[in-house]
Structures are given as C-alpha cells and as structure tokens.
C-alpha cells in the first residue's frame, strides 16, 4: 500500500508553520517513509481511541506526531501535527 495524495487541513498547516525547523525537516523525512509504506515499523503507525477513534497517528520522533485519516487506500487527510497535546 502506497499513499498517492496527502491533503493537509488548515489546522494542520497552521500547526506545521509553528514547529521548530528541525522538526519540520524530520517530518518531511518521515512523510517520505509514510508515503512508501504507511505501516513502516519506524513510524509506529496506530489507530487512535476515544473521541479520535476515526483517526490514526504516526511518529515524527519520540515527542512529535502527525494525526491523520485515511480517505481511501491511496489518500490521506493530515489533521494535526505536534506533541501529545494534539490529543487533548
């Protein structure tokens, strides 16, 4: 399974712009891995629970995550990016 299209929400774009440059660079590197295989073990991709049960998340590093939804097998909607605070 490969991801062909990623659509960021306006919320994601605003959150991304406020990140440190080092995290933005790391996010771009991780996105390449994600597009090739969204379930690559290096990403720790997992389904969320509770009020975010329709969302998934993958790791940029130990602290930062990208929250997203699968639209179909090749399309993803990026919802948010940040620390664990994005789940609150």
PDB file of N, CA and C in Angstrom:
ATOM      1  N   UNK A   1       0.846  -1.188   0.000  1.00  0.00           N
ATOM      2  CA  UNK A   1       0.000   0.000   0.000  1.00  0.00           C
ATOM      3  C   UNK A   1       0.890   1.249   0.000  1.00  0.00           C
ATOM      4  N   UNK A   2       0.683   2.104  -0.964  1.00  0.00           N
ATOM      5  CA  UNK A   2       1.398   3.377  -1.005  1.00  0.00           C
ATOM      6  C   UNK A   2       0.384   4.514  -1.000  1.00  0.00           C
ATOM      7  N   UNK A   3       0.823   5.647  -0.493  1.00  0.00           N
ATOM      8  CA  UNK A   3      -0.042   6.823  -0.413  1.00  0.00           C
ATOM      9  C   UNK A   3       0.278   7.732  -1.582  1.00  0.00           C
ATOM     10  N   UNK A   4      -0.734   8.054  -2.378  1.00  0.00           N
ATOM     11  CA  UNK A   4      -0.540   8.903  -3.537  1.00  0.00           C
ATOM     12  C   UNK A   4      -0.777  10.373  -3.250  1.00  0.00           C
ATOM     13  N   UNK A   5      -1.800  10.667  -2.447  1.00  0.00           N
ATOM     14  CA  UNK A   5      -2.169  12.054  -2.167  1.00  0.00           C
ATOM     15  C   UNK A   5      -2.302  12.276  -0.663  1.00  0.00           C
ATOM     16  N   UNK A   6      -1.770  13.408  -0.205  1.00  0.00           N
ATOM     17  CA  UNK A   6      -1.927  13.832   1.181  1.00  0.00           C
ATOM     18  C   UNK A   6      -2.490  15.245   1.160  1.00  0.00           C
ATOM     19  N   UNK A   7      -3.640  15.410   1.810  1.00  0.00           N
ATOM     20  CA  UNK A   7      -4.276  16.720   1.884  1.00  0.00           C
ATOM     21  C   UNK A   7      -4.193  17.229   3.322  1.00  0.00           C
ATOM     22  N   UNK A   8      -3.537  18.359   3.571  1.00  0.00           N
ATOM     23  CA  UNK A   8      -3.486  18.915   4.927  1.00  0.00           C
ATOM     24  C   UNK A   8      -4.692  19.820   5.201  1.00  0.00           C
ATOM     25  N   UNK A   9      -5.233  19.743   6.402  1.00  0.00           N
ATOM     26  CA  UNK A   9      -6.286  20.680   6.794  1.00  0.00           C
ATOM     27  C   UNK A   9      -5.650  22.036   7.087  1.00  0.00           C
ATOM     28  N   UNK A  10      -6.445  23.076   7.149  1.00  0.00           N
ATOM     29  CA  UNK A  10      -5.931  24.394   7.512  1.00  0.00           C
ATOM     30  C   UNK A  10      -5.318  24.370   8.910  1.00  0.00           C
ATOM     31  N   UNK A  11      -5.935  23.604   9.796  1.00  0.00           N
ATOM     32  CA  UNK A  11      -5.405  23.465  11.160  1.00  0.00           C
ATOM     33  C   UNK A  11      -4.002  22.854  11.125  1.00  0.00           C
ATOM     34  N   UNK A  12      -3.823  21.812  10.320  1.00  0.00           N
ATOM     35  CA  UNK A  12      -2.513  21.182  10.190  1.00  0.00           C
ATOM     36  C   UNK A  12      -1.480  22.185   9.673  1.00  0.00           C
ATOM     37  N   UNK A  13      -1.841  22.947   8.653  1.00  0.00           N
ATOM     38  CA  UNK A  13      -0.911  23.911   8.055  1.00  0.00           C
ATOM     39  C   UNK A  13      -0.461  24.938   9.089  1.00  0.00           C
ATOM     40  N   UNK A  14      -1.400  25.465   9.877  1.00  0.00           N
ATOM     41  CA  UNK A  14      -1.048  26.439  10.921  1.00  0.00           C
ATOM     42  C   UNK A  14      -0.129  25.818  11.964  1.00  0.00           C
ATOM     43  N   UNK A  15      -0.445  24.592  12.397  1.00  0.00           N
ATOM     44  CA  UNK A  15       0.369  23.918  13.408  1.00  0.00           C
ATOM     45  C   UNK A  15       1.768  23.628  12.863  1.00  0.00           C
ATOM     46  N   UNK A  16       1.852  23.206  11.606  1.00  0.00           N
ATOM     47  CA  UNK A  16       3.141  22.897  10.984  1.00  0.00           C
ATOM     48  C   UNK A  16       4.030  24.139  10.932  1.00  0.00           C
ATOM     49  N   UNK A  17       3.450  25.287  10.568  1.00  0.00           N
ATOM     50  CA  UNK A  17       4.222  26.527  10.450  1.00  0.00           C
ATOM     51  C   UNK A  17       4.846  26.948  11.775  1.00  0.00           C
ATOM     52  N   UNK A  18       4.236  26.580  12.883  1.00  0.00           N
ATOM     53  CA  UNK A  18       4.742  26.984  14.196  1.00  0.00           C
ATOM     54  C   UNK A  18       5.794  26.026  14.765  1.00  0.00           C
ATOM     55  N   UNK A  19       6.084  24.940  14.058  1.00  0.00           N
ATOM     56  CA  UNK A  19       7.066  23.961  14.548  1.00  0.00           C
ATOM     57  C   UNK A  19       8.500  24.469  14.390  1.00  0.00           C
ATOM     58  N   UNK A  20       9.414  23.972  15.232  1.00  0.00           N
ATOM     59  CA  UNK A  20      10.837  24.276  15.028  1.00  0.00           C
ATOM     60  C   UNK A  20      11.314  23.705  13.687  1.00  0.00           C
ATOM     61  N   UNK A  21      12.264  24.367  13.070  1.00  0.00           N
ATOM     62  CA  UNK A  21      12.774  23.931  11.757  1.00  0.00           C
ATOM     63  C   UNK A  21      13.268  22.485  11.781  1.00  0.00           C
ATOM     64  N   UNK A  22      13.907  22.089  12.852  1.00  0.00           N
ATOM     65  CA  UNK A  22      14.430  20.720  12.978  1.00  0.00           C
ATOM     66  C   UNK A  22      13.300  19.693  12.889  1.00  0.00           C
ATOM     67  N   UNK A  23      12.160  20.006  13.488  1.00  0.00           N
ATOM     68  CA  UNK A  23      11.008  19.095  13.467  1.00  0.00           C
ATOM     69  C   UNK A  23      10.368  19.088  12.079  1.00  0.00           C
ATOM     70  N   UNK A  24      10.312  20.240  11.418  1.00  0.00           N
ATOM     71  CA  UNK A  24       9.776  20.294  10.049  1.00  0.00           C
ATOM     72  C   UNK A  24      10.594  19.407   9.109  1.00  0.00           C
ATOM     73  N   UNK A  25      11.910  19.475   9.231  1.00  0.00           N
ATOM     74  CA  UNK A  25      12.793  18.647   8.394  1.00  0.00           C
ATOM     75  C   UNK A  25      12.551  17.167   8.676  1.00  0.00           C
ATOM     76  N   UNK A  26      12.472  16.813   9.944  1.00  0.00           N
ATOM     77  CA  UNK A  26      12.228  15.423  10.331  1.00  0.00           C
ATOM     78  C   UNK A  26      10.859  14.952   9.819  1.00  0.00           C
ATOM     79  N   UNK A  27       9.857  15.831   9.873  1.00  0.00           N
ATOM     80  CA  UNK A  27       8.510  15.477   9.393  1.00  0.00           C
ATOM     81  C   UNK A  27       8.542  15.178   7.899  1.00  0.00           C
ATOM     82  N   UNK A  28       9.294  15.961   7.137  1.00  0.00           N
ATOM     83  CA  UNK A  28       9.403  15.715   5.689  1.00  0.00           C
ATOM     84  C   UNK A  28      10.067  14.368   5.415  1.00  0.00           C
ATOM     85  N   UNK A  29      11.093  14.044   6.198  1.00  0.00           N
ATOM     86  CA  UNK A  29      11.759  12.742   6.039  1.00  0.00           C
ATOM     87  C   UNK A  29      10.803  11.599   6.353  1.00  0.00           C
ATOM     88  N   UNK A  30      10.055  11.749   7.429  1.00  0.00           N
ATOM     89  CA  UNK A  30       9.105  10.711   7.825  1.00  0.00           C
ATOM     90  C   UNK A  30       7.959  10.569   6.821  1.00  0.00           C
ATOM     91  N   UNK A  31       7.559  11.684   6.229  1.00  0.00           N
ATOM     92  CA  UNK A  31       6.478  11.623   5.247  1.00  0.00           C
ATOM     93  C   UNK A  31       6.873  10.780   4.037  1.00  0.00           C
ATOM     94  N   UNK A  32       8.135  10.837   3.638  1.00  0.00           N
ATOM     95  CA  UNK A  32       8.606  10.004   2.520  1.00  0.00           C
ATOM     96  C   UNK A  32       8.438   8.528   2.858  1.00  0.00           C
ATOM     97  N   UNK A  33       8.795   8.162   4.085  1.00  0.00           N
ATOM     98  CA  UNK A  33       8.629   6.774   4.535  1.00  0.00           C
ATOM     99  C   UNK A  33       7.144   6.424   4.552  1.00  0.00           C
ATOM    100  N   UNK A  34       6.326   7.333   5.092  1.00  0.00           N
ATOM    101  CA  UNK A  34       4.881   7.124   5.199  1.00  0.00           C
ATOM    102  C   UNK A  34       4.242   6.899   3.833  1.00  0.00           C
ATOM    103  N   UNK A  35       4.636   7.703   2.845  1.00  0.00           N
ATOM    104  CA  UNK A  35       4.056   7.563   1.507  1.00  0.00           C
ATOM    105  C   UNK A  35       4.411   6.222   0.874  1.00  0.00           C
ATOM    106  N   UNK A  36       5.614   5.721   1.141  1.00  0.00           N
ATOM    107  CA  UNK A  36       6.035   4.432   0.591  1.00  0.00           C
ATOM    108  C   UNK A  36       5.344   3.271   1.297  1.00  0.00           C
ATOM    109  N   UNK A  37       5.159   3.393   2.618  1.00  0.00           N
ATOM    110  CA  UNK A  37       4.510   2.347   3.396  1.00  0.00           C
ATOM    111  C   UNK A  37       3.989   2.962   4.698  1.00  0.00           C
ATOM    112  N   UNK A  38       2.695   3.261   4.767  1.00  0.00           N
ATOM    113  CA  UNK A  38       2.160   3.909   5.968  1.00  0.00           C
ATOM    114  C   UNK A  38       2.280   3.073   7.239  1.00  0.00           C
ATOM    115  N   UNK A  39       2.561   1.786   7.086  1.00  0.00           N
ATOM    116  CA  UNK A  39       2.688   0.914   8.257  1.00  0.00           C
ATOM    117  C   UNK A  39       4.141   0.525   8.536  1.00  0.00           C
ATOM    118  N   UNK A  40       5.084   1.262   7.986  1.00  0.00           N
ATOM    119  CA  UNK A  40       6.505   1.007   8.250  1.00  0.00           C
ATOM    120  C   UNK A  40       6.726   1.035   9.768  1.00  0.00           C
ATOM    121  N   UNK A  41       7.388   0.023  10.318  1.00  0.00           N
ATOM    122  CA  UNK A  41       7.582  -0.048  11.776  1.00  0.00           C
ATOM    123  C   UNK A  41       8.295   1.171  12.374  1.00  0.00           C
ATOM    124  N   UNK A  42       9.099   1.865  11.589  1.00  0.00           N
ATOM    125  CA  UNK A  42       9.810   3.051  12.101  1.00  0.00           C
ATOM    126  C   UNK A  42       8.852   4.183  12.459  1.00  0.00           C
ATOM    127  N   UNK A  43       7.640   4.134  11.915  1.00  0.00           N
ATOM    128  CA  UNK A  43       6.671   5.211  12.130  1.00  0.00           C
ATOM    129  C   UNK A  43       5.766   4.986  13.339  1.00  0.00           C
ATOM    130  N   UNK A  44       5.685   3.751  13.791  1.00  0.00           N
ATOM    131  CA  UNK A  44       4.774   3.405  14.893  1.00  0.00           C
ATOM    132  C   UNK A  44       3.346   3.885  14.587  1.00  0.00           C
ATOM    133  N   UNK A  45       2.870   3.611  13.380  1.00  0.00           N
ATOM    134  CA  UNK A  45       1.523   3.998  12.967  1.00  0.00           C
ATOM    135  C   UNK A  45       0.500   3.209  13.775  1.00  0.00           C
ATOM    136  N   UNK A  46      -0.482   3.912  14.330  1.00  0.00           N
ATOM    137  CA  UNK A  46      -1.508   3.239  15.124  1.00  0.00           C
ATOM    138  C   UNK A  46      -2.817   4.008  15.085  1.00  0.00           C
ATOM    139  N   UNK A  47      -3.900   3.258  15.253  1.00  0.00           N
ATOM    140  CA  UNK A  47      -5.241   3.843  15.307  1.00  0.00           C
ATOM    141  C   UNK A  47      -5.426   4.454  16.693  1.00  0.00           C
ATOM    142  N   UNK A  48      -6.097   5.602  16.717  1.00  0.00           N
ATOM    143  CA  UNK A  48      -6.363   6.261  17.990  1.00  0.00           C
ATOM    144  C   UNK A  48      -7.672   5.763  18.585  1.00  0.00           C
ATOM    145  N   UNK A  49      -7.906   6.111  19.841  1.00  0.00           N
ATOM    146  CA  UNK A  49      -9.092   5.630  20.554  1.00  0.00           C
ATOM    147  C   UNK A  49      -9.917   6.804  21.054  1.00  0.00           C
ATOM    148  N   UNK A  50     -11.051   6.501  21.631  1.00  0.00           N
ATOM    149  CA  UNK A  50     -11.897   7.526  22.225  1.00  0.00           C
ATOM    150  C   UNK A  50     -12.487   8.455  21.176  1.00  0.00           C
ATOM    151  N   UNK A  51     -12.453   9.754  21.461  1.00  0.00           N
ATOM    152  CA  UNK A  51     -13.073  10.705  20.532  1.00  0.00           C
ATOM    153  C   UNK A  51     -12.325  10.824  19.217  1.00  0.00           C
ATOM    154  N   UNK A  52     -11.104  10.286  19.144  1.00  0.00           N
ATOM    155  CA  UNK A  52     -10.324  10.290  17.901  1.00  0.00           C
ATOM    156  C   UNK A  52     -10.295   8.909  17.245  1.00  0.00           C
ATOM    157  N   UNK A  53     -11.313   8.090  17.507  1.00  0.00           N
ATOM    158  CA  UNK A  53     -11.308   6.708  17.023  1.00  0.00           C
ATOM    159  C   UNK A  53     -11.281   6.589  15.502  1.00  0.00           C
ATOM    160  N   UNK A  54     -11.641   7.652  14.768  1.00  0.00           N
ATOM    161  CA  UNK A  54     -11.600   7.620  13.306  1.00  0.00           C
ATOM    162  C   UNK A  54     -10.256   8.091  12.750  1.00  0.00           C
ATOM    163  N   UNK A  55      -9.316   8.381  13.634  1.00  0.00           N
ATOM    164  CA  UNK A  55      -8.014   8.910  13.229  1.00  0.00           C
ATOM    165  C   UNK A  55      -6.894   7.929  13.521  1.00  0.00           C
ATOM    166  N   UNK A  56      -5.796   8.162  12.853  1.00  0.00           N
ATOM    167  CA  UNK A  56      -4.569   7.405  13.052  1.00  0.00           C
ATOM    168  C   UNK A  56      -3.468   8.393  13.385  1.00  0.00           C
ATOM    169  N   UNK A  57      -2.320   7.875  13.820  1.00  0.00           N
ATOM    170  CA  UNK A  57      -1.199   8.726  14.149  1.00  0.00           C
ATOM    171  C   UNK A  57       0.091   8.000  13.782  1.00  0.00           C
ATOM    172  N   UNK A  58       1.103   8.781  13.381  1.00  0.00           N
ATOM    173  CA  UNK A  58       2.438   8.208  13.239  1.00  0.00           C
ATOM    174  C   UNK A  58       3.462   9.157  13.832  1.00  0.00           C
ATOM    175  N   UNK A  59       4.598   8.594  14.218  1.00  0.00           N
ATOM    176  CA  UNK A  59       5.614   9.341  14.952  1.00  0.00           C
ATOM    177  C   UNK A  59       6.593  10.036  14.038  1.00  0.00           C
ATOM    178  N   UNK A  60       6.875  11.308  14.364  1.00  0.00           N
ATOM    179  CA  UNK A  60       7.957  12.047  13.723  1.00  0.00           C
ATOM    180  C   UNK A  60       9.236  11.770  14.501  1.00  0.00           C
ATOM    181  N   UNK A  61       9.142  11.854  15.805  1.00  0.00           N
ATOM    182  CA  UNK A  61      10.202  11.447  16.718  1.00  0.00           C
ATOM    183  C   UNK A  61       9.514  11.025  18.013  1.00  0.00           C
ATOM    184  N   UNK A  62      10.260  10.927  19.099  1.00  0.00           N
ATOM    185  CA  UNK A  62       9.660  10.459  20.354  1.00  0.00           C
ATOM    186  C   UNK A  62       8.557  11.395  20.837  1.00  0.00           C
ATOM    187  N   UNK A  63       8.682  12.689  20.568  1.00  0.00           N
ATOM    188  CA  UNK A  63       7.772  13.682  21.120  1.00  0.00           C
ATOM    189  C   UNK A  63       6.660  14.117  20.162  1.00  0.00           C
ATOM    190  N   UNK A  64       6.950  14.192  18.867  1.00  0.00           N
ATOM    191  CA  UNK A  64       6.016  14.760  17.889  1.00  0.00           C
ATOM    192  C   UNK A  64       5.310  13.690  17.060  1.00  0.00           C
ATOM    193  N   UNK A  65       4.040  13.973  16.727  1.00  0.00           N
ATOM    194  CA  UNK A  65       3.190  13.048  15.978  1.00  0.00           C
ATOM    195  C   UNK A  65       2.456  13.781  14.868  1.00  0.00           C
ATOM    196  N   UNK A  66       2.021  13.018  13.862  1.00  0.00           N
ATOM    197  CA  UNK A  66       1.091  13.513  12.856  1.00  0.00           C
ATOM    198  C   UNK A  66      -0.190  12.700  13.000  1.00  0.00           C
ATOM    199  N   UNK A  67      -1.314  13.419  13.157  1.00  0.00           N
ATOM    200  CA  UNK A  67      -2.619  12.779  13.244  1.00  0.00           C
ATOM    201  C   UNK A  67      -3.289  12.887  11.873  1.00  0.00           C
ATOM    202  N   UNK A  68      -3.852  11.773  11.390  1.00  0.00           N
ATOM    203  CA  UNK A  68      -4.413  11.750  10.042  1.00  0.00           C
ATOM    204  C   UNK A  68      -5.586  10.800   9.956  1.00  0.00           C
ATOM    205  N   UNK A  69      -6.274  10.872   8.815  1.00  0.00           N
ATOM    206  CA  UNK A  69      -7.354   9.932   8.485  1.00  0.00           C
ATOM    207  C   UNK A  69      -7.125   9.383   7.098  1.00  0.00           C
ATOM    208  N   UNK A  70      -7.417   8.110   6.926  1.00  0.00           N
ATOM    209  CA  UNK A  70      -7.411   7.512   5.592  1.00  0.00           C
ATOM    210  C   UNK A  70      -8.724   7.886   4.911  1.00  0.00           C
ATOM    211  N   UNK A  71      -8.642   8.503   3.736  1.00  0.00           N
ATOM    212  CA  UNK A  71      -9.835   8.785   2.938  1.00  0.00           C
ATOM    213  C   UNK A  71     -10.161   7.556   2.094  1.00  0.00           C
ATOM    214  N   UNK A  72      -9.134   6.982   1.492  1.00  0.00           N
ATOM    215  CA  UNK A  72      -9.228   5.693   0.814  1.00  0.00           C
ATOM    216  C   UNK A  72      -7.835   5.068   0.869  1.00  0.00           C
ATOM    217  N   UNK A  73      -7.598   4.007   0.105  1.00  0.00           N
ATOM    218  CA  UNK A  73      -6.324   3.285   0.189  1.00  0.00           C
ATOM    219  C   UNK A  73      -5.114   4.110  -0.244  1.00  0.00           C
ATOM    220  N   UNK A  74      -5.326   5.169  -1.019  1.00  0.00           N
ATOM    221  CA  UNK A  74      -4.203   5.948  -1.528  1.00  0.00           C
ATOM    222  C   UNK A  74      -4.243   7.416  -1.124  1.00  0.00           C
ATOM    223  N   UNK A  75      -5.243   7.805  -0.333  1.00  0.00           N
ATOM    224  CA  UNK A  75      -5.426   9.214   0.003  1.00  0.00           C
ATOM    225  C   UNK A  75      -5.546   9.399   1.515  1.00  0.00           C
ATOM    226  N   UNK A  76      -4.844  10.420   2.013  1.00  0.00           N
ATOM    227  CA  UNK A  76      -4.811  10.690   3.449  1.00  0.00           C
ATOM    228  C   UNK A  76      -5.120  12.162   3.698  1.00  0.00           C
ATOM    229  N   UNK A  77      -5.816  12.437   4.796  1.00  0.00           N
ATOM    230  CA  UNK A  77      -6.067  13.795   5.251  1.00  0.00           C
ATOM    231  C   UNK A  77      -5.267  14.020   6.532  1.00  0.00           C
ATOM    232  N   UNK A  78      -4.271  14.918   6.469  1.00  0.00           N
ATOM    233  CA  UNK A  78      -3.497  15.269   7.661  1.00  0.00           C
ATOM    234  C   UNK A  78      -4.347  16.212   8.508  1.00  0.00           C
ATOM    235  N   UNK A  79      -4.613  15.844   9.741  1.00  0.00           N
ATOM    236  CA  UNK A  79      -5.472  16.632  10.618  1.00  0.00           C
ATOM    237  C   UNK A  79      -4.670  17.560  11.538  1.00  0.00           C
ATOM    238  N   UNK A  80      -3.597  17.035  12.157  1.00  0.00           N
ATOM    239  CA  UNK A  80      -2.845  17.834  13.124  1.00  0.00           C
ATOM    240  C   UNK A  80      -1.416  17.312  13.227  1.00  0.00           C
ATOM    241  N   UNK A  81      -0.548  18.160  13.762  1.00  0.00           N
ATOM    242  CA  UNK A  81       0.840  17.806  13.987  1.00  0.00           C
ATOM    243  C   UNK A  81       1.289  18.488  15.262  1.00  0.00           C
ATOM    244  N   UNK A  82       2.035  17.768  16.086  1.00  0.00           N
ATOM    245  CA  UNK A  82       2.527  18.357  17.313  1.00  0.00           C
ATOM    246  C   UNK A  82       2.886  17.295  18.340  1.00  0.00           C
ATOM    247  N   UNK A  83       3.012  17.732  19.592  1.00  0.00           N
ATOM    248  CA  UNK A  83       3.313  16.817  20.686  1.00  0.00           C
ATOM    249  C   UNK A  83       2.036  16.069  21.078  1.00  0.00           C
ATOM    250  N   UNK A  84       2.103  15.289  22.137  1.00  0.00           N
ATOM    251  CA  UNK A  84       0.921  14.564  22.602  1.00  0.00           C
ATOM    252  C   UNK A  84      -0.243  15.492  22.957  1.00  0.00           C
ATOM    253  N   UNK A  85       0.016  16.772  23.081  1.00  0.00           N
ATOM    254  CA  UNK A  85      -1.055  17.739  23.377  1.00  0.00           C
ATOM    255  C   UNK A  85      -2.102  17.788  22.267  1.00  0.00           C
ATOM    256  N   UNK A  86      -1.776  17.321  21.071  1.00  0.00           N
ATOM    257  CA  UNK A  86      -2.762  17.338  19.979  1.00  0.00           C
ATOM    258  C   UNK A  86      -3.940  16.409  20.285  1.00  0.00           C
ATOM    259  N   UNK A  87      -3.770  15.486  21.231  1.00  0.00           N
ATOM    260  CA  UNK A  87      -4.834  14.554  21.560  1.00  0.00           C
ATOM    261  C   UNK A  87      -5.783  15.106  22.608  1.00  0.00           C
ATOM    262  N   UNK A  88      -5.523  16.299  23.124  1.00  0.00           N
ATOM    263  CA  UNK A  88      -6.371  16.859  24.194  1.00  0.00           C
ATOM    264  C   UNK A  88      -7.522  17.647  23.635  1.00  0.00           C
TER     265      UNK A  88
END
